[in-house]
């Protein structure tokens, strides 16, 4: 066997190695595309405007304990639907009316015992932190007697919360369709862009030290 033949064989083996490595790399890229491996794939379908909400969720995660241990922080950058309801005068409102403010959206009803139990804490939270940067928006979803929730709030001395209602209960159904409402009460912490920061199914002591730490952290305080 001549020297030139040896060289040709070595060159052939090198070319084969390059082809094989390229094939392996191509397969890896294909797998990543199909199964969503990699940073970009994980963000497919996300709303770029909601990225700050995910960062806020990560920031408050270590504080989610004690009285608010049941909070589930957001892991994806997705905007909530434009939930519609009414204010005390019957005027139409949506989440867009709170753009630029952090919101604790709470769905409640007079027939829901846990809802009634946590309402004073929500009222106290609004009294402590409510302002131009933050508001507790408690939306009643009683579907029969529209005067009953107003009368009940007055009887128990709830005076800091604004009154909002959806007598069709569609706001609950809209959240249920996206997997954010399974029972009552349902509460969502929403950032100034209308994006979910965290969700809680069930009641909580919203005026507790644990809750105040979470809300203040979400507000960057």
N, C-alpha and C. Protein backbone atom coordinates (compact mmCIF):
# COMPACT_ATOMS: atom_id res chain seq x y z
N UNK A 1 0.85 -1.20 0.00
CA UNK A 1 0.00 0.00 0.00
C UNK A 1 0.88 1.24 0.00
N UNK A 2 0.59 2.18 -0.89
CA UNK A 2 1.41 3.37 -1.01
C UNK A 2 1.03 4.40 0.03
N UNK A 3 1.93 5.39 0.22
CA UNK A 3 1.67 6.48 1.17
C UNK A 3 0.46 7.27 0.76
N UNK A 4 0.35 7.55 -0.54
CA UNK A 4 -0.77 8.35 -1.03
C UNK A 4 -2.09 7.66 -0.75
N UNK A 5 -2.13 6.35 -0.80
CA UNK A 5 -3.36 5.61 -0.49
C UNK A 5 -3.72 5.76 0.99
N UNK A 6 -2.71 5.69 1.86
CA UNK A 6 -2.95 5.88 3.30
C UNK A 6 -3.55 7.26 3.57
N UNK A 7 -2.99 8.26 2.91
CA UNK A 7 -3.51 9.61 3.10
C UNK A 7 -4.95 9.74 2.65
N UNK A 8 -5.26 9.09 1.50
CA UNK A 8 -6.64 9.15 1.00
C UNK A 8 -7.60 8.49 1.97
N UNK A 9 -7.18 7.37 2.58
CA UNK A 9 -8.04 6.67 3.53
C UNK A 9 -8.28 7.52 4.77
N UNK A 10 -7.20 8.21 5.25
CA UNK A 10 -7.35 9.07 6.42
C UNK A 10 -8.31 10.22 6.14
N UNK A 11 -8.19 10.81 4.94
CA UNK A 11 -9.07 11.90 4.57
C UNK A 11 -10.51 11.42 4.47
N UNK A 12 -10.70 10.21 3.96
CA UNK A 12 -12.06 9.65 3.84
C UNK A 12 -12.69 9.45 5.21
N UNK A 13 -11.86 8.94 6.19
CA UNK A 13 -12.38 8.73 7.55
C UNK A 13 -12.76 10.05 8.20
N UNK A 14 -11.97 11.10 7.95
CA UNK A 14 -12.27 12.43 8.51
C UNK A 14 -13.60 12.95 7.97
N UNK A 15 -13.79 12.78 6.63
CA UNK A 15 -15.04 13.26 6.05
C UNK A 15 -16.23 12.50 6.61
N UNK A 16 -16.07 11.20 6.82
CA UNK A 16 -17.15 10.38 7.38
C UNK A 16 -17.49 10.83 8.79
N UNK A 17 -16.43 11.14 9.56
CA UNK A 17 -16.65 11.60 10.94
C UNK A 17 -17.43 12.90 10.97
N UNK A 18 -17.06 13.84 10.08
CA UNK A 18 -17.77 15.13 10.01
C UNK A 18 -19.22 14.93 9.65
N UNK A 19 -19.48 14.03 8.68
CA UNK A 19 -20.87 13.77 8.27
C UNK A 19 -21.68 13.19 9.43
N UNK A 20 -21.07 12.24 10.15
CA UNK A 20 -21.79 11.61 11.27
C UNK A 20 -22.08 12.62 12.37
N UNK A 21 -21.08 13.46 12.70
CA UNK A 21 -21.29 14.47 13.74
C UNK A 21 -22.37 15.46 13.32
N UNK A 22 -22.36 15.82 12.04
CA UNK A 22 -23.39 16.73 11.56
C UNK A 22 -24.76 16.12 11.65
N UNK A 23 -24.83 14.80 11.38
CA UNK A 23 -26.12 14.12 11.49
C UNK A 23 -26.63 14.09 12.91
N UNK A 24 -25.72 13.83 13.87
CA UNK A 24 -26.11 13.82 15.29
C UNK A 24 -26.60 15.19 15.71
N UNK A 25 -25.89 16.24 15.27
CA UNK A 25 -26.30 17.60 15.62
C UNK A 25 -27.67 17.91 15.04
N UNK A 26 -27.91 17.45 13.79
CA UNK A 26 -29.20 17.69 13.16
C UNK A 26 -30.33 17.01 13.91
N UNK A 27 -30.08 15.77 14.35
CA UNK A 27 -31.08 15.05 15.13
C UNK A 27 -31.37 15.78 16.43
N UNK A 28 -30.30 16.29 17.08
CA UNK A 28 -30.50 17.01 18.35
C UNK A 28 -31.35 18.25 18.16
N UNK A 29 -31.09 18.98 17.06
CA UNK A 29 -31.89 20.17 16.78
C UNK A 29 -33.33 19.80 16.51
N UNK A 30 -33.52 18.69 15.77
CA UNK A 30 -34.88 18.24 15.48
C UNK A 30 -35.63 17.87 16.74
N UNK A 31 -34.96 17.18 17.65
CA UNK A 31 -35.59 16.80 18.92
C UNK A 31 -35.96 18.03 19.71
N UNK A 32 -35.06 19.01 19.74
CA UNK A 32 -35.34 20.24 20.48
C UNK A 32 -36.56 20.94 19.91
N UNK A 33 -36.68 20.93 18.56
CA UNK A 33 -37.81 21.61 17.95
C UNK A 33 -39.12 20.91 18.27
N UNK A 34 -39.11 19.58 18.27
CA UNK A 34 -40.33 18.80 18.52
C UNK A 34 -40.75 18.83 19.97
N UNK A 35 -39.80 18.66 20.89
CA UNK A 35 -40.14 18.51 22.30
C UNK A 35 -39.98 19.79 23.11
N UNK A 36 -39.59 20.89 22.47
CA UNK A 36 -39.54 22.15 23.20
C UNK A 36 -38.36 22.30 24.11
N UNK A 37 -37.24 21.65 23.78
CA UNK A 37 -36.05 21.76 24.61
C UNK A 37 -35.37 23.08 24.28
N UNK A 38 -34.95 23.81 25.33
CA UNK A 38 -34.24 25.06 25.10
C UNK A 38 -35.05 26.26 25.52
N UNK A 39 -34.35 27.35 25.79
CA UNK A 39 -34.97 28.56 26.34
C UNK A 39 -36.05 29.14 25.41
N UNK A 40 -35.77 29.25 24.14
CA UNK A 40 -36.74 29.85 23.23
C UNK A 40 -37.99 29.01 23.12
N UNK A 41 -37.85 27.70 23.09
CA UNK A 41 -39.01 26.83 22.96
C UNK A 41 -39.90 26.94 24.19
N UNK A 42 -39.31 27.13 25.34
CA UNK A 42 -40.12 27.22 26.55
C UNK A 42 -40.98 28.47 26.54
N UNK A 43 -40.57 29.48 25.77
CA UNK A 43 -41.31 30.73 25.74
C UNK A 43 -42.28 30.84 24.58
N UNK A 44 -42.39 29.79 23.75
CA UNK A 44 -43.31 29.81 22.63
C UNK A 44 -44.73 29.99 23.15
N UNK A 45 -45.47 30.93 22.58
CA UNK A 45 -46.85 31.15 23.00
C UNK A 45 -46.98 32.16 24.12
N UNK A 46 -45.88 32.61 24.69
CA UNK A 46 -45.93 33.57 25.77
C UNK A 46 -46.12 34.98 25.25
N UNK A 47 -46.60 35.86 26.11
CA UNK A 47 -46.77 37.25 25.77
C UNK A 47 -45.56 38.02 26.29
N UNK A 48 -44.74 38.60 25.41
CA UNK A 48 -43.55 39.32 25.86
C UNK A 48 -43.84 40.39 26.89
N UNK A 49 -45.02 41.02 26.78
CA UNK A 49 -45.38 42.07 27.74
C UNK A 49 -45.59 41.53 29.14
N UNK A 50 -45.77 40.21 29.25
CA UNK A 50 -46.02 39.58 30.55
C UNK A 50 -44.75 39.01 31.19
N UNK A 51 -43.62 39.15 30.52
CA UNK A 51 -42.37 38.66 31.10
C UNK A 51 -42.10 39.25 32.48
N UNK A 52 -42.36 40.56 32.71
CA UNK A 52 -42.13 41.11 34.04
C UNK A 52 -42.98 40.44 35.12
N UNK A 53 -44.18 39.97 34.76
CA UNK A 53 -45.04 39.30 35.74
C UNK A 53 -44.41 38.00 36.20
N UNK A 54 -43.75 37.28 35.29
CA UNK A 54 -43.08 36.04 35.65
C UNK A 54 -41.90 36.33 36.57
N UNK A 55 -41.17 37.42 36.28
CA UNK A 55 -40.06 37.81 37.14
C UNK A 55 -40.56 38.19 38.53
N UNK A 56 -41.70 38.88 38.59
CA UNK A 56 -42.29 39.22 39.88
C UNK A 56 -42.70 37.96 40.62
N UNK A 57 -43.26 37.00 39.88
CA UNK A 57 -43.66 35.74 40.50
C UNK A 57 -42.46 35.02 41.12
N UNK A 58 -41.34 35.05 40.42
CA UNK A 58 -40.13 34.42 40.95
C UNK A 58 -39.64 35.14 42.21
N UNK A 59 -39.82 36.45 42.21
CA UNK A 59 -39.36 37.25 43.35
C UNK A 59 -40.19 36.98 44.60
N UNK A 60 -41.51 36.81 44.43
CA UNK A 60 -42.37 36.60 45.60
C UNK A 60 -42.41 35.15 46.05
N UNK A 61 -41.95 34.23 45.19
CA UNK A 61 -42.04 32.80 45.51
C UNK A 61 -41.48 32.44 46.89
N UNK A 62 -40.31 32.96 47.29
CA UNK A 62 -39.79 32.61 48.62
C UNK A 62 -40.66 33.12 49.77
N UNK A 63 -41.54 34.08 49.50
CA UNK A 63 -42.39 34.66 50.54
C UNK A 63 -43.74 33.95 50.65
N UNK A 64 -44.00 33.05 49.73
CA UNK A 64 -45.29 32.34 49.72
C UNK A 64 -45.27 31.25 50.78
N UNK A 65 -45.77 31.58 51.96
CA UNK A 65 -45.78 30.66 53.08
C UNK A 65 -46.78 31.15 54.12
N UNK A 66 -46.94 30.37 55.17
CA UNK A 66 -47.84 30.76 56.25
C UNK A 66 -49.26 30.93 55.78
N UNK A 67 -49.84 32.11 56.01
CA UNK A 67 -51.24 32.37 55.69
C UNK A 67 -51.52 32.39 54.19
N UNK A 68 -50.50 32.52 53.36
CA UNK A 68 -50.71 32.52 51.91
C UNK A 68 -49.91 31.40 51.24
N UNK A 69 -49.68 30.32 51.97
CA UNK A 69 -48.89 29.20 51.45
C UNK A 69 -49.55 28.53 50.25
N UNK A 70 -50.87 28.72 50.10
CA UNK A 70 -51.59 28.07 49.00
C UNK A 70 -51.48 28.82 47.68
N UNK A 71 -50.82 29.98 47.69
CA UNK A 71 -50.64 30.73 46.44
C UNK A 71 -49.82 29.93 45.44
N UNK A 72 -50.25 29.94 44.19
CA UNK A 72 -49.49 29.32 43.11
C UNK A 72 -48.95 30.42 42.22
N UNK A 73 -47.62 30.56 42.16
CA UNK A 73 -47.03 31.64 41.36
C UNK A 73 -47.00 31.25 39.89
N UNK A 74 -47.10 32.25 39.03
CA UNK A 74 -47.13 32.01 37.59
C UNK A 74 -45.79 31.52 37.08
N UNK A 75 -45.82 30.62 36.11
CA UNK A 75 -44.60 30.11 35.53
C UNK A 75 -44.51 30.37 34.04
N UNK A 76 -45.53 31.04 33.48
CA UNK A 76 -45.55 31.34 32.05
C UNK A 76 -46.01 32.77 31.83
N UNK A 77 -45.47 33.40 30.77
CA UNK A 77 -45.80 34.80 30.51
C UNK A 77 -47.03 34.91 29.62
N UNK A 78 -48.20 34.83 30.27
CA UNK A 78 -49.46 34.91 29.53
C UNK A 78 -50.40 35.93 30.15
N UNK A 79 -51.05 36.69 29.28
CA UNK A 79 -51.99 37.72 29.72
C UNK A 79 -53.34 37.09 30.04
N UNK A 80 -54.03 37.63 31.04
CA UNK A 80 -55.37 37.16 31.38
C UNK A 80 -56.38 37.76 30.42
N UNK A 81 -57.53 37.10 30.23
CA UNK A 81 -58.56 37.68 29.36
C UNK A 81 -59.10 38.97 29.95
N UNK A 82 -59.72 39.78 29.12
CA UNK A 82 -60.29 41.05 29.60
C UNK A 82 -61.62 40.77 30.31
N UNK A 83 -61.51 40.35 31.54
CA UNK A 83 -62.68 39.99 32.33
C UNK A 83 -63.60 41.20 32.48
N UNK A 84 -64.90 40.99 32.29
CA UNK A 84 -65.86 42.08 32.33
C UNK A 84 -66.82 41.93 33.51
N UNK A 85 -67.13 43.08 34.12
CA UNK A 85 -68.08 43.12 35.24
C UNK A 85 -68.59 44.54 35.36
N UNK A 86 -69.29 44.85 36.44
CA UNK A 86 -69.89 46.17 36.61
C UNK A 86 -69.46 46.80 37.92
N UNK A 87 -69.48 48.14 37.95
CA UNK A 87 -69.21 48.82 39.22
C UNK A 87 -70.53 49.06 39.97
N UNK A 88 -70.47 49.78 41.07
CA UNK A 88 -71.65 49.97 41.92
C UNK A 88 -72.78 50.70 41.20
N UNK A 89 -72.45 51.50 40.20
CA UNK A 89 -73.47 52.24 39.46
C UNK A 89 -73.97 51.51 38.23
N UNK A 90 -73.45 50.29 38.01
CA UNK A 90 -73.88 49.51 36.86
C UNK A 90 -73.08 49.75 35.60
N UNK A 91 -72.03 50.57 35.69
CA UNK A 91 -71.18 50.84 34.54
C UNK A 91 -70.25 49.66 34.26
N UNK A 92 -70.04 49.38 32.99
CA UNK A 92 -69.19 48.26 32.59
C UNK A 92 -67.72 48.55 32.90
N UNK A 93 -67.04 47.52 33.39
CA UNK A 93 -65.61 47.61 33.71
C UNK A 93 -64.92 46.35 33.17
N UNK A 94 -63.64 46.49 32.84
CA UNK A 94 -62.81 45.33 32.51
C UNK A 94 -61.47 45.51 33.20
N UNK A 95 -60.64 44.48 33.14
CA UNK A 95 -59.31 44.57 33.74
C UNK A 95 -58.49 45.71 33.14
N UNK A 96 -58.80 46.06 31.90
CA UNK A 96 -58.05 47.13 31.23
C UNK A 96 -58.18 48.46 31.98
N UNK A 97 -59.25 48.62 32.74
CA UNK A 97 -59.45 49.85 33.50
C UNK A 97 -58.43 50.00 34.64
N UNK A 98 -57.72 48.93 34.93
CA UNK A 98 -56.71 48.97 35.99
C UNK A 98 -55.28 48.88 35.44
N UNK A 99 -55.10 49.11 34.15
CA UNK A 99 -53.76 49.09 33.59
C UNK A 99 -52.89 50.12 34.31
N UNK A 100 -51.69 49.71 34.64
CA UNK A 100 -50.78 50.58 35.36
C UNK A 100 -50.83 50.37 36.86
N UNK A 101 -51.74 49.51 37.33
CA UNK A 101 -51.86 49.23 38.76
C UNK A 101 -51.82 47.72 38.99
N UNK A 102 -51.25 47.33 40.11
CA UNK A 102 -51.29 45.93 40.52
C UNK A 102 -52.65 45.69 41.17
N UNK A 103 -53.26 44.54 40.86
CA UNK A 103 -54.62 44.25 41.32
C UNK A 103 -54.68 42.89 42.01
N UNK A 104 -55.40 42.83 43.11
CA UNK A 104 -55.75 41.55 43.71
C UNK A 104 -57.23 41.34 43.38
N UNK A 105 -57.49 40.53 42.37
CA UNK A 105 -58.85 40.27 41.91
C UNK A 105 -59.43 39.10 42.69
N UNK A 106 -60.58 39.32 43.32
CA UNK A 106 -61.22 38.29 44.14
C UNK A 106 -62.65 38.08 43.67
N UNK A 107 -63.03 36.82 43.43
CA UNK A 107 -64.41 36.48 43.09
C UNK A 107 -65.07 35.89 44.33
N UNK A 108 -66.26 36.43 44.67
CA UNK A 108 -66.93 35.99 45.88
C UNK A 108 -68.45 35.99 45.69
N UNK A 109 -69.13 35.34 46.63
CA UNK A 109 -70.60 35.31 46.61
C UNK A 109 -71.09 35.18 48.05
N UNK A 110 -72.31 35.66 48.29
CA UNK A 110 -72.85 35.59 49.65
C UNK A 110 -73.17 34.16 50.07
N UNK A 111 -73.41 33.26 49.10
CA UNK A 111 -73.70 31.87 49.43
C UNK A 111 -72.43 31.07 49.74
N UNK A 112 -71.28 31.70 49.55
CA UNK A 112 -69.99 31.05 49.78
C UNK A 112 -69.47 31.43 51.16
N UNK A 113 -69.52 30.48 52.09
CA UNK A 113 -69.10 30.73 53.48
C UNK A 113 -67.65 31.18 53.57
N UNK A 114 -66.69 30.50 52.93
CA UNK A 114 -65.29 30.96 52.99
C UNK A 114 -65.11 32.37 52.41
N UNK A 115 -65.93 32.71 51.41
CA UNK A 115 -65.86 34.06 50.83
C UNK A 115 -66.23 35.10 51.87
N UNK A 116 -67.32 34.85 52.56
CA UNK A 116 -67.78 35.80 53.57
C UNK A 116 -66.75 35.91 54.70
N UNK A 117 -66.13 34.80 55.02
CA UNK A 117 -65.16 34.79 56.11
C UNK A 117 -63.92 35.63 55.80
N UNK A 118 -63.47 35.61 54.54
CA UNK A 118 -62.25 36.34 54.21
C UNK A 118 -62.49 37.79 53.81
N UNK A 119 -63.75 38.19 53.63
CA UNK A 119 -64.03 39.54 53.16
C UNK A 119 -63.49 40.63 54.08
N UNK A 120 -63.60 40.51 55.42
CA UNK A 120 -63.00 41.54 56.27
C UNK A 120 -61.50 41.69 56.08
N UNK A 121 -60.79 40.58 55.81
CA UNK A 121 -59.35 40.65 55.58
C UNK A 121 -59.04 41.37 54.27
N UNK A 122 -59.84 41.14 53.24
CA UNK A 122 -59.66 41.85 51.97
C UNK A 122 -59.90 43.34 52.16
N UNK A 123 -60.92 43.66 52.96
CA UNK A 123 -61.23 45.06 53.26
C UNK A 123 -60.06 45.71 54.00
N UNK A 124 -59.48 44.97 54.95
CA UNK A 124 -58.34 45.49 55.71
C UNK A 124 -57.11 45.66 54.83
N UNK A 125 -56.91 44.73 53.89
CA UNK A 125 -55.78 44.83 52.96
C UNK A 125 -55.92 46.09 52.10
N UNK A 126 -57.12 46.35 51.62
CA UNK A 126 -57.35 47.56 50.84
C UNK A 126 -57.08 48.80 51.67
N UNK A 127 -57.47 48.77 52.94
CA UNK A 127 -57.24 49.91 53.82
C UNK A 127 -55.75 50.15 54.05
N UNK A 128 -54.97 49.07 54.13
CA UNK A 128 -53.54 49.19 54.42
C UNK A 128 -52.70 49.54 53.20
N UNK A 129 -53.00 48.93 52.05
CA UNK A 129 -52.13 49.08 50.89
C UNK A 129 -52.79 49.72 49.67
N UNK A 130 -54.10 49.86 49.71
CA UNK A 130 -54.81 50.41 48.56
C UNK A 130 -54.38 51.82 48.24
N UNK A 131 -54.27 52.13 46.95
CA UNK A 131 -53.84 53.46 46.52
C UNK A 131 -53.68 53.49 45.02
N UNK A 132 -52.89 54.42 44.54
CA UNK A 132 -52.74 54.58 43.09
C UNK A 132 -51.98 53.43 42.44
N UNK A 133 -51.21 52.66 43.24
CA UNK A 133 -50.43 51.54 42.68
C UNK A 133 -51.08 50.18 42.88
N UNK A 134 -52.07 50.11 43.77
CA UNK A 134 -52.63 48.80 44.12
C UNK A 134 -54.09 48.93 44.54
N UNK A 135 -54.90 47.93 44.14
CA UNK A 135 -56.29 47.89 44.58
C UNK A 135 -56.79 46.46 44.69
N UNK A 136 -57.58 46.21 45.73
CA UNK A 136 -58.31 44.95 45.84
C UNK A 136 -59.62 45.13 45.09
N UNK A 137 -59.82 44.32 44.07
CA UNK A 137 -61.04 44.38 43.26
C UNK A 137 -61.84 43.10 43.54
N UNK A 138 -62.82 43.22 44.43
CA UNK A 138 -63.65 42.07 44.81
C UNK A 138 -64.93 42.09 43.98
N UNK A 139 -65.11 41.06 43.16
CA UNK A 139 -66.25 40.99 42.25
C UNK A 139 -67.25 39.96 42.75
N UNK A 140 -68.45 40.42 43.08
CA UNK A 140 -69.50 39.52 43.54
C UNK A 140 -70.16 38.83 42.35
N UNK A 141 -70.46 37.54 42.49
CA UNK A 141 -71.09 36.81 41.39
C UNK A 141 -72.44 36.20 41.81
N UNK A 142 -73.12 36.80 42.79
CA UNK A 142 -74.49 36.37 43.09
C UNK A 142 -75.35 36.56 41.84
N UNK A 143 -76.16 35.58 41.52
CA UNK A 143 -76.94 35.65 40.28
C UNK A 143 -78.43 35.89 40.51
N UNK A 144 -78.88 35.96 41.75
CA UNK A 144 -80.32 36.12 42.00
C UNK A 144 -80.68 37.52 42.49
N UNK A 145 -80.45 37.80 43.75
CA UNK A 145 -80.84 39.08 44.33
C UNK A 145 -79.65 40.05 44.29
N UNK A 146 -79.66 41.03 43.40
CA UNK A 146 -78.52 41.95 43.27
C UNK A 146 -78.32 42.85 44.48
N UNK A 147 -79.35 42.99 45.30
CA UNK A 147 -79.24 43.85 46.48
C UNK A 147 -78.66 43.12 47.70
N UNK A 148 -78.72 41.80 47.67
CA UNK A 148 -78.28 41.01 48.82
C UNK A 148 -76.81 41.24 49.16
N UNK A 149 -75.88 41.15 48.19
CA UNK A 149 -74.46 41.36 48.53
C UNK A 149 -74.18 42.75 49.06
N UNK A 150 -74.83 43.77 48.50
CA UNK A 150 -74.64 45.13 49.00
C UNK A 150 -75.09 45.25 50.44
N UNK A 151 -76.25 44.65 50.74
CA UNK A 151 -76.78 44.70 52.11
C UNK A 151 -75.86 43.97 53.07
N UNK A 152 -75.35 42.83 52.64
CA UNK A 152 -74.47 42.04 53.51
C UNK A 152 -73.18 42.79 53.82
N UNK A 153 -72.58 43.39 52.81
CA UNK A 153 -71.35 44.16 53.02
C UNK A 153 -71.57 45.29 54.01
N UNK A 154 -72.71 45.94 53.92
CA UNK A 154 -73.03 47.03 54.83
C UNK A 154 -73.22 46.52 56.26
N UNK A 155 -73.87 45.37 56.38
CA UNK A 155 -74.15 44.77 57.70
C UNK A 155 -72.87 44.41 58.44
N UNK A 156 -71.87 43.89 57.71
CA UNK A 156 -70.64 43.45 58.37
C UNK A 156 -69.56 44.55 58.41
N UNK A 157 -69.89 45.72 57.91
CA UNK A 157 -68.97 46.85 58.02
C UNK A 157 -67.84 46.89 57.02
N UNK A 158 -68.07 46.33 55.83
CA UNK A 158 -67.05 46.40 54.78
C UNK A 158 -67.18 47.76 54.09
N UNK A 159 -66.20 48.64 54.30
CA UNK A 159 -66.33 49.99 53.78
C UNK A 159 -65.19 50.49 52.93
N UNK A 160 -64.08 49.77 52.87
CA UNK A 160 -62.93 50.22 52.09
C UNK A 160 -62.93 49.68 50.66
N UNK A 161 -63.56 48.56 50.45
CA UNK A 161 -63.58 47.95 49.12
C UNK A 161 -64.60 48.64 48.23
N UNK A 162 -64.23 48.85 46.96
CA UNK A 162 -65.19 49.30 45.98
C UNK A 162 -66.13 48.15 45.66
N UNK A 163 -67.34 48.45 45.21
CA UNK A 163 -68.29 47.37 44.91
C UNK A 163 -68.29 47.07 43.42
N UNK A 164 -68.06 45.78 43.11
CA UNK A 164 -68.09 45.31 41.73
C UNK A 164 -68.87 44.00 41.69
N UNK A 165 -69.57 43.78 40.58
CA UNK A 165 -70.42 42.58 40.49
C UNK A 165 -70.57 42.11 39.06
N UNK A 166 -70.82 40.82 38.92
CA UNK A 166 -71.15 40.22 37.63
C UNK A 166 -72.30 39.25 37.87
N UNK A 167 -73.53 39.71 37.75
CA UNK A 167 -74.69 38.86 38.03
C UNK A 167 -74.86 37.70 37.06
N UNK A 168 -74.08 37.67 35.97
CA UNK A 168 -74.12 36.53 35.05
C UNK A 168 -73.11 35.46 35.44
N UNK A 169 -72.17 35.82 36.33
CA UNK A 169 -71.09 34.92 36.75
C UNK A 169 -70.20 34.51 35.59
N UNK A 170 -70.24 35.25 34.48
CA UNK A 170 -69.40 34.92 33.33
C UNK A 170 -67.91 35.09 33.64
N UNK A 171 -67.61 36.05 34.53
CA UNK A 171 -66.21 36.27 34.89
C UNK A 171 -65.60 35.01 35.49
N UNK A 172 -66.41 34.27 36.25
CA UNK A 172 -65.93 33.00 36.82
C UNK A 172 -65.72 31.97 35.71
N UNK A 173 -66.67 31.89 34.79
CA UNK A 173 -66.56 30.92 33.70
C UNK A 173 -65.36 31.22 32.80
N UNK A 174 -65.11 32.52 32.56
CA UNK A 174 -63.96 32.88 31.73
C UNK A 174 -62.65 32.43 32.36
N UNK A 175 -62.56 32.58 33.68
CA UNK A 175 -61.35 32.12 34.38
C UNK A 175 -61.29 30.60 34.44
N UNK A 176 -62.43 29.98 34.57
CA UNK A 176 -62.48 28.51 34.62
C UNK A 176 -61.99 27.91 33.30
N UNK A 177 -62.34 28.55 32.19
CA UNK A 177 -61.95 28.05 30.88
C UNK A 177 -60.44 28.04 30.68
N UNK A 178 -59.73 28.92 31.37
CA UNK A 178 -58.27 28.95 31.23
C UNK A 178 -57.59 28.29 32.44
N UNK A 179 -58.37 27.56 33.24
CA UNK A 179 -57.82 26.81 34.36
C UNK A 179 -57.43 27.65 35.56
N UNK A 180 -58.09 28.81 35.74
CA UNK A 180 -57.74 29.69 36.85
C UNK A 180 -58.86 29.80 37.89
N UNK A 181 -59.93 29.05 37.74
CA UNK A 181 -61.02 29.09 38.71
C UNK A 181 -61.62 27.69 38.82
N UNK A 182 -61.61 27.14 40.02
CA UNK A 182 -62.16 25.81 40.25
C UNK A 182 -63.24 25.80 41.32
N UNK A 183 -63.30 26.84 42.11
CA UNK A 183 -64.28 26.95 43.18
C UNK A 183 -64.27 28.36 43.72
N UNK A 184 -64.92 28.53 44.85
CA UNK A 184 -65.02 29.86 45.45
C UNK A 184 -64.47 29.84 46.86
N UNK A 185 -63.78 30.92 47.26
CA UNK A 185 -63.39 32.06 46.44
C UNK A 185 -62.21 31.75 45.52
N UNK A 186 -62.05 32.58 44.52
CA UNK A 186 -60.90 32.53 43.62
C UNK A 186 -60.23 33.90 43.64
N UNK A 187 -58.92 33.91 43.79
CA UNK A 187 -58.19 35.18 43.87
C UNK A 187 -56.97 35.15 42.96
N UNK A 188 -56.75 36.24 42.22
CA UNK A 188 -55.59 36.36 41.35
C UNK A 188 -54.85 37.65 41.65
N UNK A 189 -53.53 37.55 41.72
CA UNK A 189 -52.67 38.72 41.83
C UNK A 189 -52.21 39.05 40.41
N UNK A 190 -52.53 40.27 39.96
CA UNK A 190 -52.34 40.64 38.56
C UNK A 190 -51.44 41.87 38.46
N UNK A 191 -50.51 41.83 37.52
CA UNK A 191 -49.55 42.94 37.40
C UNK A 191 -50.14 44.10 36.60
N UNK A 192 -49.45 45.23 36.52
CA UNK A 192 -49.98 46.42 35.84
C UNK A 192 -50.29 46.24 34.35
N UNK A 193 -49.76 45.17 33.73
CA UNK A 193 -50.03 44.90 32.32
C UNK A 193 -51.20 43.93 32.13
N UNK A 194 -51.84 43.53 33.23
CA UNK A 194 -52.95 42.60 33.13
C UNK A 194 -52.51 41.15 33.05
N UNK A 195 -51.32 40.86 33.55
CA UNK A 195 -50.75 39.51 33.50
C UNK A 195 -50.76 38.86 34.89
N UNK A 196 -50.97 37.56 34.91
CA UNK A 196 -51.03 36.84 36.18
C UNK A 196 -49.67 36.77 36.87
N UNK A 197 -49.67 37.09 38.16
CA UNK A 197 -48.49 36.89 39.00
C UNK A 197 -48.67 35.63 39.85
N UNK A 198 -49.86 35.48 40.41
CA UNK A 198 -50.13 34.31 41.26
C UNK A 198 -51.64 34.10 41.36
N UNK A 199 -52.02 32.87 41.72
CA UNK A 199 -53.43 32.51 41.86
C UNK A 199 -53.63 31.73 43.15
N UNK A 200 -54.78 31.92 43.77
CA UNK A 200 -55.10 31.16 44.97
C UNK A 200 -56.54 30.67 44.89
N UNK A 201 -56.71 29.37 45.06
CA UNK A 201 -58.04 28.76 45.11
C UNK A 201 -58.40 28.55 46.58
N UNK A 202 -59.42 29.27 47.06
CA UNK A 202 -59.79 29.17 48.46
C UNK A 202 -59.50 30.45 49.20
N UNK A 203 -59.85 30.50 50.48
CA UNK A 203 -59.68 31.73 51.27
C UNK A 203 -58.27 31.89 51.81
N UNK A 204 -57.96 33.10 52.25
CA UNK A 204 -56.67 33.39 52.88
C UNK A 204 -56.83 34.59 53.80
N UNK A 205 -55.89 34.72 54.72
CA UNK A 205 -55.87 35.89 55.61
C UNK A 205 -55.09 37.00 54.90
N UNK A 206 -55.80 37.76 54.09
CA UNK A 206 -55.14 38.72 53.23
C UNK A 206 -54.57 39.94 53.95
N UNK A 207 -54.96 40.13 55.19
CA UNK A 207 -54.40 41.26 55.95
C UNK A 207 -53.27 40.81 56.87
N UNK A 208 -52.88 39.54 56.77
CA UNK A 208 -51.82 39.00 57.63
C UNK A 208 -50.45 39.52 57.21
N UNK A 209 -49.48 39.34 58.08
CA UNK A 209 -48.12 39.77 57.78
C UNK A 209 -47.58 39.03 56.56
N UNK A 210 -47.91 37.74 56.44
CA UNK A 210 -47.45 36.95 55.30
C UNK A 210 -47.98 37.53 53.99
N UNK A 211 -49.27 37.87 53.97
CA UNK A 211 -49.88 38.42 52.76
C UNK A 211 -49.31 39.80 52.44
N UNK A 212 -49.12 40.62 53.45
CA UNK A 212 -48.59 41.96 53.22
C UNK A 212 -47.19 41.91 52.63
N UNK A 213 -46.37 40.95 53.07
CA UNK A 213 -45.03 40.81 52.53
C UNK A 213 -45.07 40.45 51.05
N UNK A 214 -46.00 39.57 50.67
CA UNK A 214 -46.12 39.17 49.27
C UNK A 214 -46.57 40.35 48.42
N UNK A 215 -47.62 41.05 48.87
CA UNK A 215 -48.12 42.16 48.08
C UNK A 215 -47.08 43.27 47.96
N UNK A 216 -46.42 43.59 49.06
CA UNK A 216 -45.39 44.65 49.02
C UNK A 216 -44.24 44.27 48.09
N UNK A 217 -43.86 42.98 48.11
CA UNK A 217 -42.79 42.52 47.20
C UNK A 217 -43.24 42.64 45.76
N UNK A 218 -44.51 42.32 45.48
CA UNK A 218 -45.03 42.42 44.12
C UNK A 218 -45.06 43.88 43.66
N UNK A 219 -45.19 44.79 44.62
CA UNK A 219 -45.21 46.21 44.31
C UNK A 219 -43.79 46.81 44.26
N UNK A 220 -42.80 45.97 44.52
CA UNK A 220 -41.42 46.44 44.49
C UNK A 220 -41.04 47.27 45.69
N UNK A 221 -41.70 47.02 46.80
CA UNK A 221 -41.41 47.79 48.02
C UNK A 221 -40.51 47.01 48.98
